[in-house]
Amino acid sequence: MAKIKLWLAQPWVTFILRTAFYFVVFFLLLYLYSYSGVNQSKFIYNEF
């Protein structure tokens, strides 16, 4: 456990892990935004 804490204390390790975490969160939000269909709005006045 001490080796892991020592390894995580290095700046380049925390930078890579944070960057990977932010990419995962970003792509998850992008996926959820595209899945929700915000840009696929229905035409309201069909028989106008």
C-alpha atoms as a PDB file:
ATOM      1  CA  MET A   1       0.000   0.000   0.000  1.00  0.00           C
ATOM      2  CA  ALA A   2       2.866   2.352   0.722  1.00  0.00           C
ATOM      3  CA  LYS A   3       4.298   1.754  -2.737  1.00  0.00           C
ATOM      4  CA  ILE A   4       1.016   2.727  -4.349  1.00  0.00           C
ATOM      5  CA  LYS A   5       0.794   5.932  -2.301  1.00  0.00           C
ATOM      6  CA  LEU A   6       4.391   6.744  -3.172  1.00  0.00           C
ATOM      7  CA  TRP A   7       3.694   6.067  -6.849  1.00  0.00           C
ATOM      8  CA  LEU A   8       0.542   8.222  -6.806  1.00  0.00           C
ATOM      9  CA  ALA A   9       2.453  11.076  -5.200  1.00  0.00           C
ATOM     10  CA  GLN A  10       4.508  11.614  -8.340  1.00  0.00           C
ATOM     11  CA  PRO A  11       3.253  14.564 -10.393  1.00  0.00           C
ATOM     12  CA  TRP A  12       3.313  12.832 -13.780  1.00  0.00           C
ATOM     13  CA  VAL A  13       1.204   9.946 -12.480  1.00  0.00           C
ATOM     14  CA  THR A  14      -1.467  12.227 -11.064  1.00  0.00           C
ATOM     15  CA  PHE A  15      -1.462  14.251 -14.296  1.00  0.00           C
ATOM     16  CA  ILE A  16      -2.039  11.148 -16.433  1.00  0.00           C
ATOM     17  CA  LEU A  17      -4.707   9.747 -14.124  1.00  0.00           C
ATOM     18  CA  ARG A  18      -6.579  13.048 -13.918  1.00  0.00           C
ATOM     19  CA  THR A  19      -6.406  13.502 -17.683  1.00  0.00           C
ATOM     20  CA  ALA A  20      -7.768   9.996 -18.249  1.00  0.00           C
ATOM     21  CA  PHE A  21     -10.533  10.605 -15.714  1.00  0.00           C
ATOM     22  CA  TYR A  22     -11.537  13.899 -17.357  1.00  0.00           C
ATOM     23  CA  PHE A  23     -11.603  12.257 -20.799  1.00  0.00           C
ATOM     24  CA  VAL A  24     -13.888   9.520 -19.484  1.00  0.00           C
ATOM     25  CA  VAL A  25     -16.230  12.056 -17.894  1.00  0.00           C
ATOM     26  CA  PHE A  26     -16.217  14.207 -21.031  1.00  0.00           C
ATOM     27  CA  PHE A  27     -17.031  11.312 -23.346  1.00  0.00           C
ATOM     28  CA  LEU A  28     -19.692  10.041 -20.959  1.00  0.00           C
ATOM     29  CA  LEU A  29     -21.369  13.454 -20.962  1.00  0.00           C
ATOM     30  CA  LEU A  30     -21.053  13.659 -24.740  1.00  0.00           C
ATOM     31  CA  TYR A  31     -22.654  10.230 -25.085  1.00  0.00           C
ATOM     32  CA  LEU A  32     -25.501  11.105 -22.737  1.00  0.00           C
ATOM     33  CA  TYR A  33     -26.088  14.402 -24.556  1.00  0.00           C
ATOM     34  CA  SER A  34     -26.276  12.689 -27.941  1.00  0.00           C
ATOM     35  CA  TYR A  35     -28.432   9.887 -26.521  1.00  0.00           C
ATOM     36  CA  SER A  36     -30.990  12.314 -25.118  1.00  0.00           C
ATOM     37  CA  GLY A  37     -31.895  13.531 -28.602  1.00  0.00           C
ATOM     38  CA  VAL A  38     -31.655  17.256 -27.949  1.00  0.00           C
ATOM     39  CA  ASN A  39     -30.802  17.957 -31.582  1.00  0.00           C
ATOM     40  CA  GLN A  40     -33.502  15.632 -32.886  1.00  0.00           C
ATOM     41  CA  SER A  41     -36.453  17.847 -32.203  1.00  0.00           C
ATOM     42  CA  LYS A  42     -39.828  16.979 -33.709  1.00  0.00           C
ATOM     43  CA  PHE A  43     -41.594  19.342 -36.034  1.00  0.00           C
ATOM     44  CA  ILE A  44     -44.473  20.674 -33.944  1.00  0.00           C
ATOM     45  CA  TYR A  45     -46.669  22.185 -36.674  1.00  0.00           C
ATOM     46  CA  ASN A  46     -47.182  19.134 -38.847  1.00  0.00           C
ATOM     47  CA  GLU A  47     -50.623  20.048 -40.171  1.00  0.00           C
ATOM     48  CA  PHE A  48     -50.473  23.787 -40.075  1.00  0.00           C
END
